[in-house]
C-alpha atoms as a PDB file:
ATOM      1  CA  UNK A   1      -1.517   6.431  13.555  1.00  0.00           C
ATOM      2  CA  UNK A   2       1.986   7.664  12.292  1.00  0.00           C
ATOM      3  CA  UNK A   3       2.001  10.402  14.462  1.00  0.00           C
ATOM      4  CA  UNK A   4       1.527   8.385  17.856  1.00  0.00           C
ATOM      5  CA  UNK A   5       4.623   6.768  16.510  1.00  0.00           C
ATOM      6  CA  UNK A   6       6.811  10.125  16.241  1.00  0.00           C
ATOM      7  CA  UNK A   7       6.644   9.588  12.269  1.00  0.00           C
ATOM      8  CA  UNK A   8       6.197  12.990  10.592  1.00  0.00           C
ATOM      9  CA  UNK A   9       3.914  12.741   7.641  1.00  0.00           C
ATOM     10  CA  UNK A  10       4.472  15.930   6.109  1.00  0.00           C
ATOM     11  CA  UNK A  11       7.065  14.006   3.549  1.00  0.00           C
ATOM     12  CA  UNK A  12       5.567  12.969   0.476  1.00  0.00           C
ATOM     13  CA  UNK A  13       4.123   8.973   1.102  1.00  0.00           C
ATOM     14  CA  UNK A  14       4.390   6.759  -1.853  1.00  0.00           C
ATOM     15  CA  UNK A  15       1.430   3.837  -1.265  1.00  0.00           C
ATOM     16  CA  UNK A  16       2.420   0.686  -3.416  1.00  0.00           C
ATOM     17  CA  UNK A  17       0.033  -1.783  -4.331  1.00  0.00           C
ATOM     18  CA  UNK A  18      -0.366  -4.886  -6.812  1.00  0.00           C
ATOM     19  CA  UNK A  19      -4.190  -4.180  -6.819  1.00  0.00           C
ATOM     20  CA  UNK A  20      -5.597  -2.387  -9.990  1.00  0.00           C
ATOM     21  CA  UNK A  21      -8.696  -2.252  -8.348  1.00  0.00           C
ATOM     22  CA  UNK A  22      -7.327  -0.469  -5.113  1.00  0.00           C
ATOM     23  CA  UNK A  23      -5.213   1.796  -7.248  1.00  0.00           C
ATOM     24  CA  UNK A  24      -8.233   2.609  -9.491  1.00  0.00           C
ATOM     25  CA  UNK A  25     -10.437   3.411  -6.072  1.00  0.00           C
ATOM     26  CA  UNK A  26      -8.021   5.774  -4.423  1.00  0.00           C
ATOM     27  CA  UNK A  27      -7.149   7.992  -7.508  1.00  0.00           C
ATOM     28  CA  UNK A  28     -10.828   8.543  -8.218  1.00  0.00           C
ATOM     29  CA  UNK A  29     -13.192  10.385  -6.549  1.00  0.00           C
ATOM     30  CA  UNK A  30     -15.914   9.041  -4.788  1.00  0.00           C
ATOM     31  CA  UNK A  31     -17.174   5.625  -4.404  1.00  0.00           C
ATOM     32  CA  UNK A  32     -18.115   5.020  -8.415  1.00  0.00           C
ATOM     33  CA  UNK A  33     -19.548   1.244  -9.002  1.00  0.00           C
ATOM     34  CA  UNK A  34     -17.902  -0.177  -5.961  1.00  0.00           C
ATOM     35  CA  UNK A  35     -20.300  -1.696  -3.698  1.00  0.00           C
ATOM     36  CA  UNK A  36     -19.759  -2.393   0.208  1.00  0.00           C
ATOM     37  CA  UNK A  37     -17.269   0.146   0.577  1.00  0.00           C
ATOM     38  CA  UNK A  38     -16.807   1.981   3.929  1.00  0.00           C
ATOM     39  CA  UNK A  39     -17.373   5.582   2.892  1.00  0.00           C
ATOM     40  CA  UNK A  40     -15.207   6.995   5.764  1.00  0.00           C
ATOM     41  CA  UNK A  41     -12.020   4.898   4.112  1.00  0.00           C
ATOM     42  CA  UNK A  42     -12.370   7.612   1.196  1.00  0.00           C
ATOM     43  CA  UNK A  43      -9.941   9.607   2.844  1.00  0.00           C
ATOM     44  CA  UNK A  44      -7.126   8.149   1.082  1.00  0.00           C
ATOM     45  CA  UNK A  45      -8.847   9.596  -2.188  1.00  0.00           C
ATOM     46  CA  UNK A  46      -8.429  13.341  -0.869  1.00  0.00           C
ATOM     47  CA  UNK A  47      -4.752  12.688   0.198  1.00  0.00           C
ATOM     48  CA  UNK A  48      -4.164  11.475  -3.202  1.00  0.00           C
ATOM     49  CA  UNK A  49      -5.987  14.469  -4.912  1.00  0.00           C
ATOM     50  CA  UNK A  50      -3.898  17.016  -2.202  1.00  0.00           C
ATOM     51  CA  UNK A  51      -0.433  15.386  -3.447  1.00  0.00           C
ATOM     52  CA  UNK A  52       0.186  14.001   0.190  1.00  0.00           C
ATOM     53  CA  UNK A  53       0.733  10.393  -1.283  1.00  0.00           C
ATOM     54  CA  UNK A  54       1.089   9.079  -4.535  1.00  0.00           C
ATOM     55  CA  UNK A  55      -0.265   5.299  -5.720  1.00  0.00           C
ATOM     56  CA  UNK A  56       2.323   3.011  -7.735  1.00  0.00           C
ATOM     57  CA  UNK A  57       1.467  -0.449  -8.979  1.00  0.00           C
ATOM     58  CA  UNK A  58       3.920  -2.872  -7.683  1.00  0.00           C
ATOM     59  CA  UNK A  59       3.818  -6.524  -9.261  1.00  0.00           C
ATOM     60  CA  UNK A  60       3.374  -9.297  -7.019  1.00  0.00           C
ATOM     61  CA  UNK A  61       6.849 -10.768  -7.089  1.00  0.00           C
ATOM     62  CA  UNK A  62       8.582  -7.443  -5.773  1.00  0.00           C
ATOM     63  CA  UNK A  63       5.468  -7.209  -3.625  1.00  0.00           C
ATOM     64  CA  UNK A  64       6.833  -7.595   0.327  1.00  0.00           C
ATOM     65  CA  UNK A  65       3.100  -7.351   1.613  1.00  0.00           C
ATOM     66  CA  UNK A  66       2.704 -10.883   0.070  1.00  0.00           C
ATOM     67  CA  UNK A  67       4.453 -12.077   3.139  1.00  0.00           C
ATOM     68  CA  UNK A  68       1.309 -12.161   5.044  1.00  0.00           C
ATOM     69  CA  UNK A  69      -1.306 -12.454   2.323  1.00  0.00           C
ATOM     70  CA  UNK A  70      -0.262 -15.693  -0.190  1.00  0.00           C
ATOM     71  CA  UNK A  71       1.995 -18.404  -0.180  1.00  0.00           C
ATOM     72  CA  UNK A  72       5.092 -17.826  -1.379  1.00  0.00           C
ATOM     73  CA  UNK A  73       8.140 -19.801  -2.007  1.00  0.00           C
ATOM     74  CA  UNK A  74      11.408 -19.887   0.438  1.00  0.00           C
ATOM     75  CA  UNK A  75      13.237 -18.128  -1.988  1.00  0.00           C
ATOM     76  CA  UNK A  76      10.655 -15.217  -2.207  1.00  0.00           C
ATOM     77  CA  UNK A  77      10.252 -15.282   1.636  1.00  0.00           C
ATOM     78  CA  UNK A  78      14.223 -14.848   1.812  1.00  0.00           C
ATOM     79  CA  UNK A  79      14.040 -11.758  -0.917  1.00  0.00           C
ATOM     80  CA  UNK A  80      11.059 -10.222   0.967  1.00  0.00           C
ATOM     81  CA  UNK A  81      12.645 -10.426   4.483  1.00  0.00           C
ATOM     82  CA  UNK A  82      16.235  -8.867   3.062  1.00  0.00           C
ATOM     83  CA  UNK A  83      14.072  -6.019   1.160  1.00  0.00           C
ATOM     84  CA  UNK A  84      12.447  -5.420   4.474  1.00  0.00           C
ATOM     85  CA  UNK A  85      15.615  -5.012   6.409  1.00  0.00           C
ATOM     86  CA  UNK A  86      15.791  -8.667   8.173  1.00  0.00           C
ATOM     87  CA  UNK A  87      18.857 -10.931   8.407  1.00  0.00           C
ATOM     88  CA  UNK A  88      18.979 -14.493   8.457  1.00  0.00           C
ATOM     89  CA  UNK A  89      21.782 -16.209  10.476  1.00  0.00           C
END
């Protein structure tokens, strides 16, 4: 998808998540005890193992992805929007 948008992925990518379970899944090899996992998604494990991307725990209050996934206060919305480079006038 990034190549389609002209983004060069020969740089190191940092993946941020507030999910300990997701971090655990992508940093191990194979499905483990996870059920109902779409196995083609395991390519991420190879990217982590090869060092193409790294996974970092990001606390919920600083995770801008919360904007689209859960209730956040107006203050949190403003902070996340500023972090993402949006301006409010």
